[in-house]
Amino acid sequence: MKSDEFIDITTEHCPMTFVRVKLKLEEMEAGQTLTVRLSGGEPLENVPQSLKDENYFFTTPEADGDCFKMVVTKPKS
């Protein structure tokens, strides 16, 4: 799936992982998609849960080498 934007948060630590994703999403237009590259462990647990809590649509994180990738869609309103 081709997305509009990309962010790599593999070097970030919680809670900054979700903060970085949220800030990036705020820069984007409604309906655009963001590919997020994240590490396992806390980021893999916390980022999807935080996105769910804020009603974002996203794909299930998939393995990408030693990291994971997921695609988030910014809601239209």
PDB file of N, CA and C in Angstrom:
ATOM      1  N   MET A   1       0.848  -1.182   0.000  1.00  0.00           N
ATOM      2  CA  MET A   1       0.000   0.000   0.000  1.00  0.00           C
ATOM      3  C   MET A   1       0.891   1.243   0.000  1.00  0.00           C
ATOM      4  N   LYS A   2       0.678   2.121  -0.953  1.00  0.00           N
ATOM      5  CA  LYS A   2       1.438   3.367  -1.034  1.00  0.00           C
ATOM      6  C   LYS A   2       0.774   4.389  -0.119  1.00  0.00           C
ATOM      7  N   SER A   3       1.600   5.070   0.683  1.00  0.00           N
ATOM      8  CA  SER A   3       1.033   6.072   1.580  1.00  0.00           C
ATOM      9  C   SER A   3       1.530   7.464   1.192  1.00  0.00           C
ATOM     10  N   ASP A   4       0.884   8.470   1.769  1.00  0.00           N
ATOM     11  CA  ASP A   4       1.224   9.858   1.466  1.00  0.00           C
ATOM     12  C   ASP A   4       2.468  10.325   2.214  1.00  0.00           C
ATOM     13  N   GLU A   5       2.666   9.838   3.421  1.00  0.00           N
ATOM     14  CA  GLU A   5       3.775  10.267   4.270  1.00  0.00           C
ATOM     15  C   GLU A   5       4.411   9.060   4.949  1.00  0.00           C
ATOM     16  N   PHE A   6       5.619   9.259   5.486  1.00  0.00           N
ATOM     17  CA  PHE A   6       6.358   8.194   6.164  1.00  0.00           C
ATOM     18  C   PHE A   6       7.041   8.784   7.392  1.00  0.00           C
ATOM     19  N   ILE A   7       7.060   8.011   8.478  1.00  0.00           N
ATOM     20  CA  ILE A   7       7.807   8.408   9.674  1.00  0.00           C
ATOM     21  C   ILE A   7       8.460   7.164  10.272  1.00  0.00           C
ATOM     22  N   ASP A   8       9.709   7.326  10.682  1.00  0.00           N
ATOM     23  CA  ASP A   8      10.466   6.247  11.312  1.00  0.00           C
ATOM     24  C   ASP A   8      10.670   6.630  12.772  1.00  0.00           C
ATOM     25  N   ILE A   9      10.045   5.880  13.673  1.00  0.00           N
ATOM     26  CA  ILE A   9      10.162   6.179  15.104  1.00  0.00           C
ATOM     27  C   ILE A   9      10.928   5.087  15.843  1.00  0.00           C
ATOM     28  N   THR A  10      11.742   4.344  15.106  1.00  0.00           N
ATOM     29  CA  THR A  10      12.471   3.227  15.713  1.00  0.00           C
ATOM     30  C   THR A  10      13.506   3.674  16.731  1.00  0.00           C
ATOM     31  N   THR A  11      13.949   4.927  16.683  1.00  0.00           N
ATOM     32  CA  THR A  11      14.938   5.402  17.649  1.00  0.00           C
ATOM     33  C   THR A  11      14.297   6.131  18.825  1.00  0.00           C
ATOM     34  N   GLU A  12      12.978   6.271  18.788  1.00  0.00           N
ATOM     35  CA  GLU A  12      12.253   6.971  19.859  1.00  0.00           C
ATOM     36  C   GLU A  12      11.860   5.995  20.963  1.00  0.00           C
ATOM     37  N   HIS A  13      11.614   6.547  22.135  1.00  0.00           N
ATOM     38  CA  HIS A  13      11.165   5.760  23.286  1.00  0.00           C
ATOM     39  C   HIS A  13       9.818   6.298  23.751  1.00  0.00           C
ATOM     40  N   CYS A  14       8.999   5.416  24.310  1.00  0.00           N
ATOM     41  CA  CYS A  14       7.691   5.816  24.823  1.00  0.00           C
ATOM     42  C   CYS A  14       7.882   6.834  25.945  1.00  0.00           C
ATOM     43  N   PRO A  15       7.061   7.851  26.024  1.00  0.00           N
ATOM     44  CA  PRO A  15       5.847   8.114  25.250  1.00  0.00           C
ATOM     45  C   PRO A  15       6.077   8.913  23.966  1.00  0.00           C
ATOM     46  N   MET A  16       7.319   9.221  23.638  1.00  0.00           N
ATOM     47  CA  MET A  16       7.596  10.042  22.457  1.00  0.00           C
ATOM     48  C   MET A  16       7.220   9.348  21.151  1.00  0.00           C
ATOM     49  N   THR A  17       7.096   8.038  21.153  1.00  0.00           N
ATOM     50  CA  THR A  17       6.729   7.342  19.917  1.00  0.00           C
ATOM     51  C   THR A  17       5.374   7.837  19.413  1.00  0.00           C
ATOM     52  N   PHE A  18       4.376   7.824  20.276  1.00  0.00           N
ATOM     53  CA  PHE A  18       3.051   8.268  19.851  1.00  0.00           C
ATOM     54  C   PHE A  18       3.026   9.778  19.618  1.00  0.00           C
ATOM     55  N   VAL A  19       3.743  10.535  20.424  1.00  0.00           N
ATOM     56  CA  VAL A  19       3.789  11.990  20.253  1.00  0.00           C
ATOM     57  C   VAL A  19       4.286  12.337  18.851  1.00  0.00           C
ATOM     58  N   ARG A  20       5.345  11.692  18.404  1.00  0.00           N
ATOM     59  CA  ARG A  20       5.886  11.959  17.061  1.00  0.00           C
ATOM     60  C   ARG A  20       4.867  11.609  15.974  1.00  0.00           C
ATOM     61  N   VAL A  21       4.188  10.465  16.135  1.00  0.00           N
ATOM     62  CA  VAL A  21       3.168  10.056  15.160  1.00  0.00           C
ATOM     63  C   VAL A  21       2.022  11.060  15.149  1.00  0.00           C
ATOM     64  N   LYS A  22       1.554  11.445  16.303  1.00  0.00           N
ATOM     65  CA  LYS A  22       0.436  12.390  16.420  1.00  0.00           C
ATOM     66  C   LYS A  22       0.787  13.741  15.787  1.00  0.00           C
ATOM     67  N   LEU A  23       1.988  14.248  16.053  1.00  0.00           N
ATOM     68  CA  LEU A  23       2.410  15.518  15.460  1.00  0.00           C
ATOM     69  C   LEU A  23       2.454  15.435  13.938  1.00  0.00           C
ATOM     70  N   LYS A  24       2.952  14.320  13.423  1.00  0.00           N
ATOM     71  CA  LYS A  24       3.007  14.135  11.969  1.00  0.00           C
ATOM     72  C   LYS A  24       1.597  14.101  11.382  1.00  0.00           C
ATOM     73  N   LEU A  25       0.690  13.381  12.033  1.00  0.00           N
ATOM     74  CA  LEU A  25      -0.685  13.295  11.551  1.00  0.00           C
ATOM     75  C   LEU A  25      -1.361  14.665  11.562  1.00  0.00           C
ATOM     76  N   GLU A  26      -1.048  15.495  12.535  1.00  0.00           N
ATOM     77  CA  GLU A  26      -1.647  16.827  12.608  1.00  0.00           C
ATOM     78  C   GLU A  26      -1.217  17.708  11.435  1.00  0.00           C
ATOM     79  N   GLU A  27      -0.066  17.444  10.845  1.00  0.00           N
ATOM     80  CA  GLU A  27       0.426  18.197   9.688  1.00  0.00           C
ATOM     81  C   GLU A  27      -0.265  17.770   8.391  1.00  0.00           C
ATOM     82  N   MET A  28      -0.899  16.612   8.413  1.00  0.00           N
ATOM     83  CA  MET A  28      -1.447  16.021   7.196  1.00  0.00           C
ATOM     84  C   MET A  28      -2.903  16.427   6.973  1.00  0.00           C
ATOM     85  N   GLU A  29      -3.358  16.253   5.722  1.00  0.00           N
ATOM     86  CA  GLU A  29      -4.743  16.516   5.352  1.00  0.00           C
ATOM     87  C   GLU A  29      -5.615  15.309   5.700  1.00  0.00           C
ATOM     88  N   ALA A  30      -6.891  15.567   5.953  1.00  0.00           N
ATOM     89  CA  ALA A  30      -7.842  14.494   6.222  1.00  0.00           C
ATOM     90  C   ALA A  30      -7.866  13.509   5.060  1.00  0.00           C
ATOM     91  N   GLY A  31      -7.892  12.226   5.375  1.00  0.00           N
ATOM     92  CA  GLY A  31      -7.931  11.179   4.365  1.00  0.00           C
ATOM     93  C   GLY A  31      -6.564  10.695   3.907  1.00  0.00           C
ATOM     94  N   GLN A  32      -5.493  11.426   4.243  1.00  0.00           N
ATOM     95  CA  GLN A  32      -4.157  10.989   3.856  1.00  0.00           C
ATOM     96  C   GLN A  32      -3.696   9.839   4.758  1.00  0.00           C
ATOM     97  N   THR A  33      -2.700   9.095   4.258  1.00  0.00           N
ATOM     98  CA  THR A  33      -2.181   7.957   5.007  1.00  0.00           C
ATOM     99  C   THR A  33      -0.721   8.175   5.381  1.00  0.00           C
ATOM    100  N   LEU A  34      -0.357   7.600   6.516  1.00  0.00           N
ATOM    101  CA  LEU A  34       0.987   7.711   7.061  1.00  0.00           C
ATOM    102  C   LEU A  34       1.523   6.317   7.352  1.00  0.00           C
ATOM    103  N   THR A  35       2.659   5.968   6.746  1.00  0.00           N
ATOM    104  CA  THR A  35       3.329   4.717   7.090  1.00  0.00           C
ATOM    105  C   THR A  35       4.231   4.993   8.284  1.00  0.00           C
ATOM    106  N   VAL A  36       4.088   4.171   9.312  1.00  0.00           N
ATOM    107  CA  VAL A  36       4.871   4.308  10.537  1.00  0.00           C
ATOM    108  C   VAL A  36       5.776   3.097  10.671  1.00  0.00           C
ATOM    109  N   ARG A  37       7.072   3.340  10.807  1.00  0.00           N
ATOM    110  CA  ARG A  37       8.047   2.268  11.074  1.00  0.00           C
ATOM    111  C   ARG A  37       8.384   2.346  12.550  1.00  0.00           C
ATOM    112  N   LEU A  38       8.161   1.253  13.291  1.00  0.00           N
ATOM    113  CA  LEU A  38       8.358   1.257  14.720  1.00  0.00           C
ATOM    114  C   LEU A  38       9.024  -0.015  15.211  1.00  0.00           C
ATOM    115  N   SER A  39       9.590   0.071  16.392  1.00  0.00           N
ATOM    116  CA  SER A  39      10.250  -1.076  17.017  1.00  0.00           C
ATOM    117  C   SER A  39       9.223  -1.945  17.719  1.00  0.00           C
ATOM    118  N   GLY A  40       9.660  -3.144  18.088  1.00  0.00           N
ATOM    119  CA  GLY A  40       8.811  -4.033  18.873  1.00  0.00           C
ATOM    120  C   GLY A  40       8.787  -3.586  20.324  1.00  0.00           C
ATOM    121  N   GLY A  41       8.160  -4.371  21.171  1.00  0.00           N
ATOM    122  CA  GLY A  41       8.096  -4.040  22.591  1.00  0.00           C
ATOM    123  C   GLY A  41       7.068  -2.961  22.869  1.00  0.00           C
ATOM    124  N   GLU A  42       7.445  -2.013  23.721  1.00  0.00           N
ATOM    125  CA  GLU A  42       6.511  -0.948  24.120  1.00  0.00           C
ATOM    126  C   GLU A  42       5.924  -0.165  22.949  1.00  0.00           C
ATOM    127  N   PRO A  43       6.737   0.284  21.987  1.00  0.00           N
ATOM    128  CA  PRO A  43       6.131   1.020  20.869  1.00  0.00           C
ATOM    129  C   PRO A  43       5.088   0.199  20.109  1.00  0.00           C
ATOM    130  N   LEU A  44       5.360  -1.064  19.924  1.00  0.00           N
ATOM    131  CA  LEU A  44       4.440  -1.933  19.195  1.00  0.00           C
ATOM    132  C   LEU A  44       3.128  -2.124  19.965  1.00  0.00           C
ATOM    133  N   GLU A  45       3.189  -2.059  21.279  1.00  0.00           N
ATOM    134  CA  GLU A  45       1.977  -2.162  22.098  1.00  0.00           C
ATOM    135  C   GLU A  45       1.281  -0.816  22.233  1.00  0.00           C
ATOM    136  N   ASN A  46       2.057   0.231  22.508  1.00  0.00           N
ATOM    137  CA  ASN A  46       1.477   1.524  22.871  1.00  0.00           C
ATOM    138  C   ASN A  46       0.978   2.362  21.697  1.00  0.00           C
ATOM    139  N   VAL A  47       1.712   2.382  20.593  1.00  0.00           N
ATOM    140  CA  VAL A  47       1.285   3.230  19.474  1.00  0.00           C
ATOM    141  C   VAL A  47      -0.065   2.771  18.917  1.00  0.00           C
ATOM    142  N   PRO A  48      -0.259   1.493  18.588  1.00  0.00           N
ATOM    143  CA  PRO A  48      -1.584   1.089  18.102  1.00  0.00           C
ATOM    144  C   PRO A  48      -2.702   1.345  19.122  1.00  0.00           C
ATOM    145  N   GLN A  49      -2.421   1.121  20.402  1.00  0.00           N
ATOM    146  CA  GLN A  49      -3.447   1.354  21.424  1.00  0.00           C
ATOM    147  C   GLN A  49      -3.808   2.835  21.504  1.00  0.00           C
ATOM    148  N   SER A  50      -2.811   3.705  21.451  1.00  0.00           N
ATOM    149  CA  SER A  50      -3.073   5.150  21.493  1.00  0.00           C
ATOM    150  C   SER A  50      -3.844   5.603  20.256  1.00  0.00           C
ATOM    151  N   LEU A  51      -3.505   5.057  19.097  1.00  0.00           N
ATOM    152  CA  LEU A  51      -4.235   5.380  17.868  1.00  0.00           C
ATOM    153  C   LEU A  51      -5.690   4.922  17.973  1.00  0.00           C
ATOM    154  N   LYS A  52      -5.883   3.739  18.519  1.00  0.00           N
ATOM    155  CA  LYS A  52      -7.235   3.207  18.705  1.00  0.00           C
ATOM    156  C   LYS A  52      -8.024   4.096  19.661  1.00  0.00           C
ATOM    157  N   ASP A  53      -7.392   4.508  20.757  1.00  0.00           N
ATOM    158  CA  ASP A  53      -8.050   5.376  21.740  1.00  0.00           C
ATOM    159  C   ASP A  53      -8.499   6.699  21.131  1.00  0.00           C
ATOM    160  N   GLU A  54      -7.793   7.158  20.106  1.00  0.00           N
ATOM    161  CA  GLU A  54      -8.120   8.433  19.462  1.00  0.00           C
ATOM    162  C   GLU A  54      -8.879   8.250  18.143  1.00  0.00           C
ATOM    163  N   ASN A  55      -9.386   7.039  17.922  1.00  0.00           N
ATOM    164  CA  ASN A  55     -10.250   6.721  16.776  1.00  0.00           C
ATOM    165  C   ASN A  55      -9.601   6.864  15.410  1.00  0.00           C
ATOM    166  N   TYR A  56      -8.295   6.565  15.319  1.00  0.00           N
ATOM    167  CA  TYR A  56      -7.624   6.527  14.019  1.00  0.00           C
ATOM    168  C   TYR A  56      -7.817   5.142  13.420  1.00  0.00           C
ATOM    169  N   PHE A  57      -7.859   5.081  12.096  1.00  0.00           N
ATOM    170  CA  PHE A  57      -7.903   3.814  11.380  1.00  0.00           C
ATOM    171  C   PHE A  57      -6.472   3.433  11.046  1.00  0.00           C
ATOM    172  N   PHE A  58      -6.107   2.171  11.234  1.00  0.00           N
ATOM    173  CA  PHE A  58      -4.742   1.738  10.942  1.00  0.00           C
ATOM    174  C   PHE A  58      -4.713   0.257  10.634  1.00  0.00           C
ATOM    175  N   THR A  59      -3.675  -0.137   9.907  1.00  0.00           N
ATOM    176  CA  THR A  59      -3.494  -1.545   9.583  1.00  0.00           C
ATOM    177  C   THR A  59      -2.808  -2.238  10.749  1.00  0.00           C
ATOM    178  N   THR A  60      -2.946  -3.530  10.810  1.00  0.00           N
ATOM    179  CA  THR A  60      -2.225  -4.318  11.808  1.00  0.00           C
ATOM    180  C   THR A  60      -0.736  -4.213  11.513  1.00  0.00           C
ATOM    181  N   PRO A  61       0.085  -3.918  12.531  1.00  0.00           N
ATOM    182  CA  PRO A  61       1.530  -3.832  12.287  1.00  0.00           C
ATOM    183  C   PRO A  61       2.071  -5.148  11.717  1.00  0.00           C
ATOM    184  N   GLU A  62       2.912  -5.021  10.691  1.00  0.00           N
ATOM    185  CA  GLU A  62       3.516  -6.193  10.049  1.00  0.00           C
ATOM    186  C   GLU A  62       5.025  -6.128  10.190  1.00  0.00           C
ATOM    187  N   ALA A  63       5.631  -7.293  10.352  1.00  0.00           N
ATOM    188  CA  ALA A  63       7.088  -7.362  10.475  1.00  0.00           C
ATOM    189  C   ALA A  63       7.755  -6.800   9.226  1.00  0.00           C
ATOM    190  N   ASP A  64       8.828  -6.056   9.443  1.00  0.00           N
ATOM    191  CA  ASP A  64       9.621  -5.464   8.374  1.00  0.00           C
ATOM    192  C   ASP A  64      11.085  -5.571   8.804  1.00  0.00           C
ATOM    193  N   GLY A  65      11.680  -6.736   8.582  1.00  0.00           N
ATOM    194  CA  GLY A  65      13.030  -6.984   9.086  1.00  0.00           C
ATOM    195  C   GLY A  65      12.990  -7.094  10.594  1.00  0.00           C
ATOM    196  N   ASP A  66      13.798  -6.273  11.268  1.00  0.00           N
ATOM    197  CA  ASP A  66      13.816  -6.313  12.728  1.00  0.00           C
ATOM    198  C   ASP A  66      12.866  -5.281  13.340  1.00  0.00           C
ATOM    199  N   CYS A  67      12.028  -4.644  12.513  1.00  0.00           N
ATOM    200  CA  CYS A  67      11.069  -3.642  12.969  1.00  0.00           C
ATOM    201  C   CYS A  67       9.674  -4.020  12.469  1.00  0.00           C
ATOM    202  N   PHE A  68       8.749  -3.082  12.581  1.00  0.00           N
ATOM    203  CA  PHE A  68       7.384  -3.276  12.122  1.00  0.00           C
ATOM    204  C   PHE A  68       6.939  -2.049  11.358  1.00  0.00           C
ATOM    205  N   LYS A  69       5.946  -2.227  10.484  1.00  0.00           N
ATOM    206  CA  LYS A  69       5.344  -1.121   9.743  1.00  0.00           C
ATOM    207  C   LYS A  69       3.840  -1.208   9.864  1.00  0.00           C
ATOM    208  N   MET A  70       3.211  -0.054   9.920  1.00  0.00           N
ATOM    209  CA  MET A  70       1.761   0.024   9.918  1.00  0.00           C
ATOM    210  C   MET A  70       1.363   1.292   9.165  1.00  0.00           C
ATOM    211  N   VAL A  71       0.155   1.311   8.642  1.00  0.00           N
ATOM    212  CA  VAL A  71      -0.344   2.472   7.894  1.00  0.00           C
ATOM    213  C   VAL A  71      -1.526   3.054   8.651  1.00  0.00           C
ATOM    214  N   VAL A  72      -1.477   4.360   8.904  1.00  0.00           N
ATOM    215  CA  VAL A  72      -2.512   5.075   9.635  1.00  0.00           C
ATOM    216  C   VAL A  72      -3.212   6.027   8.681  1.00  0.00           C
ATOM    217  N   THR A  73      -4.527   6.088   8.743  1.00  0.00           N
ATOM    218  CA  THR A  73      -5.303   7.029   7.938  1.00  0.00           C
ATOM    219  C   THR A  73      -5.835   8.123   8.831  1.00  0.00           C
ATOM    220  N   LYS A  74      -5.605   9.375   8.426  1.00  0.00           N
ATOM    221  CA  LYS A  74      -6.134  10.506   9.193  1.00  0.00           C
ATOM    222  C   LYS A  74      -7.622  10.616   8.892  1.00  0.00           C
ATOM    223  N   PRO A  75      -8.455  10.640   9.930  1.00  0.00           N
ATOM    224  CA  PRO A  75      -9.902  10.725   9.718  1.00  0.00           C
ATOM    225  C   PRO A  75     -10.297  11.981   8.958  1.00  0.00           C
ATOM    226  N   LYS A  76     -11.410  11.892   8.244  1.00  0.00           N
ATOM    227  CA  LYS A  76     -11.873  13.033   7.454  1.00  0.00           C
ATOM    228  C   LYS A  76     -12.510  14.108   8.315  1.00  0.00           C
ATOM    229  N   SER A  77     -12.879  13.794   9.544  1.00  0.00           N
ATOM    230  CA  SER A  77     -13.358  14.839  10.456  1.00  0.00           C
ATOM    231  C   SER A  77     -13.440  14.333  11.867  1.00  0.00           C
TER     232      SER A  77
END
